[in-house]
C-alpha atoms as a PDB file:
ATOM      1  CA  UNK A   1      27.608  39.329  23.233  1.00  0.00           C
ATOM      2  CA  UNK A   2      26.073  36.119  24.223  1.00  0.00           C
ATOM      3  CA  UNK A   3      28.948  35.584  26.684  1.00  0.00           C
ATOM      4  CA  UNK A   4      27.888  38.634  28.671  1.00  0.00           C
ATOM      5  CA  UNK A   5      24.496  37.259  29.507  1.00  0.00           C
ATOM      6  CA  UNK A   6      23.277  35.971  32.797  1.00  0.00           C
ATOM      7  CA  UNK A   7      22.767  32.139  32.880  1.00  0.00           C
ATOM      8  CA  UNK A   8      18.953  32.572  32.604  1.00  0.00           C
ATOM      9  CA  UNK A   9      19.432  35.070  29.712  1.00  0.00           C
ATOM     10  CA  UNK A  10      21.746  32.587  27.987  1.00  0.00           C
ATOM     11  CA  UNK A  11      19.464  29.709  28.349  1.00  0.00           C
ATOM     12  CA  UNK A  12      16.608  31.697  26.955  1.00  0.00           C
ATOM     13  CA  UNK A  13      18.677  32.841  24.041  1.00  0.00           C
ATOM     14  CA  UNK A  14      19.539  29.154  23.211  1.00  0.00           C
ATOM     15  CA  UNK A  15      15.958  28.203  23.516  1.00  0.00           C
ATOM     16  CA  UNK A  16      14.829  30.931  21.192  1.00  0.00           C
ATOM     17  CA  UNK A  17      17.470  29.842  18.682  1.00  0.00           C
ATOM     18  CA  UNK A  18      15.909  26.239  18.702  1.00  0.00           C
ATOM     19  CA  UNK A  19      12.369  27.663  18.457  1.00  0.00           C
ATOM     20  CA  UNK A  20      13.453  29.733  15.416  1.00  0.00           C
ATOM     21  CA  UNK A  21      14.929  26.483  13.849  1.00  0.00           C
ATOM     22  CA  UNK A  22      11.786  24.503  14.538  1.00  0.00           C
ATOM     23  CA  UNK A  23       9.653  27.232  13.042  1.00  0.00           C
ATOM     24  CA  UNK A  24      11.912  27.282  10.005  1.00  0.00           C
ATOM     25  CA  UNK A  25      11.512  23.560   9.640  1.00  0.00           C
ATOM     26  CA  UNK A  26       7.632  23.960   9.673  1.00  0.00           C
ATOM     27  CA  UNK A  27       7.804  26.711   7.030  1.00  0.00           C
ATOM     28  CA  UNK A  28      10.028  24.562   4.901  1.00  0.00           C
ATOM     29  CA  UNK A  29       7.777  21.607   5.261  1.00  0.00           C
ATOM     30  CA  UNK A  30       4.738  23.600   4.279  1.00  0.00           C
ATOM     31  CA  UNK A  31       6.514  25.048   1.266  1.00  0.00           C
ATOM     32  CA  UNK A  32       7.333  21.407   0.187  1.00  0.00           C
ATOM     33  CA  UNK A  33       3.761  20.353   0.743  1.00  0.00           C
ATOM     34  CA  UNK A  34       2.429  23.313  -1.354  1.00  0.00           C
ATOM     35  CA  UNK A  35       4.954  22.681  -4.193  1.00  0.00           C
ATOM     36  CA  UNK A  36       3.866  19.040  -4.271  1.00  0.00           C
ATOM     37  CA  UNK A  37       0.117  19.484  -4.052  1.00  0.00           C
ATOM     38  CA  UNK A  38      -0.250  22.480  -6.225  1.00  0.00           C
ATOM     39  CA  UNK A  39       0.590  20.637  -9.441  1.00  0.00           C
ATOM     40  CA  UNK A  40      -1.666  19.128 -12.079  1.00  0.00           C
ATOM     41  CA  UNK A  41      -3.912  16.609 -10.394  1.00  0.00           C
ATOM     42  CA  UNK A  42      -3.085  13.857 -12.761  1.00  0.00           C
ATOM     43  CA  UNK A  43       0.686  14.392 -12.237  1.00  0.00           C
ATOM     44  CA  UNK A  44       0.051  14.199  -8.504  1.00  0.00           C
ATOM     45  CA  UNK A  45      -1.892  10.860  -8.804  1.00  0.00           C
ATOM     46  CA  UNK A  46       0.746   9.418 -11.125  1.00  0.00           C
ATOM     47  CA  UNK A  47       3.464  10.391  -8.608  1.00  0.00           C
ATOM     48  CA  UNK A  48       1.442   8.922  -5.725  1.00  0.00           C
ATOM     49  CA  UNK A  49       0.527   5.805  -7.371  1.00  0.00           C
ATOM     50  CA  UNK A  50       4.042   5.037  -9.032  1.00  0.00           C
ATOM     51  CA  UNK A  51       5.361   3.324  -6.035  1.00  0.00           C
ATOM     52  CA  UNK A  52       2.788   2.904  -3.289  1.00  0.00           C
ATOM     53  CA  UNK A  53       5.223   1.478  -0.807  1.00  0.00           C
ATOM     54  CA  UNK A  54       7.439   4.555  -1.143  1.00  0.00           C
ATOM     55  CA  UNK A  55       4.427   6.926  -0.950  1.00  0.00           C
ATOM     56  CA  UNK A  56       3.206   5.389   2.144  1.00  0.00           C
ATOM     57  CA  UNK A  57       6.540   5.461   3.754  1.00  0.00           C
ATOM     58  CA  UNK A  58       6.896   9.055   2.947  1.00  0.00           C
ATOM     59  CA  UNK A  59       3.422   9.917   4.267  1.00  0.00           C
ATOM     60  CA  UNK A  60       4.208   8.245   7.473  1.00  0.00           C
ATOM     61  CA  UNK A  61       7.574   9.991   7.824  1.00  0.00           C
ATOM     62  CA  UNK A  62       6.170  13.391   6.968  1.00  0.00           C
ATOM     63  CA  UNK A  63       3.219  12.922   9.284  1.00  0.00           C
ATOM     64  CA  UNK A  64       5.331  11.858  12.309  1.00  0.00           C
ATOM     65  CA  UNK A  65       7.933  14.676  11.718  1.00  0.00           C
ATOM     66  CA  UNK A  66       5.073  17.146  11.240  1.00  0.00           C
ATOM     67  CA  UNK A  67       3.275  16.099  14.432  1.00  0.00           C
ATOM     68  CA  UNK A  68       6.561  16.311  16.413  1.00  0.00           C
ATOM     69  CA  UNK A  69       7.133  19.844  15.014  1.00  0.00           C
ATOM     70  CA  UNK A  70       3.637  20.809  15.764  1.00  0.00           C
ATOM     71  CA  UNK A  71       3.871  19.473  19.232  1.00  0.00           C
ATOM     72  CA  UNK A  72       6.991  21.554  20.019  1.00  0.00           C
ATOM     73  CA  UNK A  73       5.501  24.735  18.395  1.00  0.00           C
ATOM     74  CA  UNK A  74       2.258  24.310  20.431  1.00  0.00           C
ATOM     75  CA  UNK A  75       4.552  25.094  23.611  1.00  0.00           C
ATOM     76  CA  UNK A  76       5.526  28.529  22.020  1.00  0.00           C
ATOM     77  CA  UNK A  77       3.795  31.635  20.934  1.00  0.00           C
ATOM     78  CA  UNK A  78       4.562  30.658  17.322  1.00  0.00           C
ATOM     79  CA  UNK A  79       1.356  30.300  15.306  1.00  0.00           C
ATOM     80  CA  UNK A  80       2.707  28.239  12.451  1.00  0.00           C
ATOM     81  CA  UNK A  81       1.951  24.564  12.142  1.00  0.00           C
ATOM     82  CA  UNK A  82       2.935  21.763   9.645  1.00  0.00           C
ATOM     83  CA  UNK A  83       0.182  20.586   7.366  1.00  0.00           C
ATOM     84  CA  UNK A  84      -0.101  16.753   8.034  1.00  0.00           C
ATOM     85  CA  UNK A  85      -3.022  15.620   5.808  1.00  0.00           C
ATOM     86  CA  UNK A  86      -3.688  15.483   2.044  1.00  0.00           C
ATOM     87  CA  UNK A  87      -5.820  18.230   0.611  1.00  0.00           C
ATOM     88  CA  UNK A  88      -9.595  17.681   0.298  1.00  0.00           C
ATOM     89  CA  UNK A  89     -10.519  15.503  -2.540  1.00  0.00           C
ATOM     90  CA  UNK A  90      -7.653  13.243  -2.404  1.00  0.00           C
ATOM     91  CA  UNK A  91      -7.919   9.719  -0.950  1.00  0.00           C
ATOM     92  CA  UNK A  92      -6.856   6.092  -1.110  1.00  0.00           C
ATOM     93  CA  UNK A  93      -9.392   3.476  -2.150  1.00  0.00           C
ATOM     94  CA  UNK A  94      -9.146   0.028  -3.796  1.00  0.00           C
ATOM     95  CA  UNK A  95      -5.369   0.068  -3.618  1.00  0.00           C
ATOM     96  CA  UNK A  96      -4.635   3.418  -5.206  1.00  0.00           C
ATOM     97  CA  UNK A  97      -4.872   7.109  -4.766  1.00  0.00           C
ATOM     98  CA  UNK A  98      -7.561   9.028  -6.436  1.00  0.00           C
ATOM     99  CA  UNK A  99      -9.095  12.519  -6.617  1.00  0.00           C
ATOM    100  CA  UNK A 100     -12.688  13.521  -6.395  1.00  0.00           C
ATOM    101  CA  UNK A 101     -13.515  17.125  -6.659  1.00  0.00           C
ATOM    102  CA  UNK A 102     -15.332  18.367  -3.589  1.00  0.00           C
ATOM    103  CA  UNK A 103     -18.926  19.292  -4.069  1.00  0.00           C
ATOM    104  CA  UNK A 104     -19.395  23.029  -4.451  1.00  0.00           C
ATOM    105  CA  UNK A 105     -20.744  24.962  -1.513  1.00  0.00           C
ATOM    106  CA  UNK A 106     -24.559  25.591  -1.859  1.00  0.00           C
ATOM    107  CA  UNK A 107     -25.433  29.072  -2.847  1.00  0.00           C
ATOM    108  CA  UNK A 108     -26.659  31.092   0.166  1.00  0.00           C
ATOM    109  CA  UNK A 109     -30.402  31.585   0.216  1.00  0.00           C
ATOM    110  CA  UNK A 110     -31.286  35.272   0.654  1.00  0.00           C
ATOM    111  CA  UNK A 111     -34.355  35.875   2.750  1.00  0.00           C
ATOM    112  CA  UNK A 112     -36.513  38.522   1.070  1.00  0.00           C
ATOM    113  CA  UNK A 113     -37.741  40.991   3.785  1.00  0.00           C
ATOM    114  CA  UNK A 114     -40.971  42.810   2.872  1.00  0.00           C
END
């Protein structure tokens, strides 16, 4: 079927296949992100701190790849993007990763109308 397309249609078909593959990569990277970060916080910290050099290399590689994927997806009508930052609460300080629970959002103050 693809052989019966005009040159413009053929090029569009190939481009759409690439966009589909890039989107699939974004979805897969986000699945891995959620699998990693949705574990017990202590296990996550042990994993991050076990080999800091390797952890930093992975963070850099994932961030670079995620940014490249996001850059390509921005040129399309695909809404998905790769998450390229640690979840809120995690940080790196004094040579190790740690977690501080975010402060709870303040309760809304309801105005009493008389």
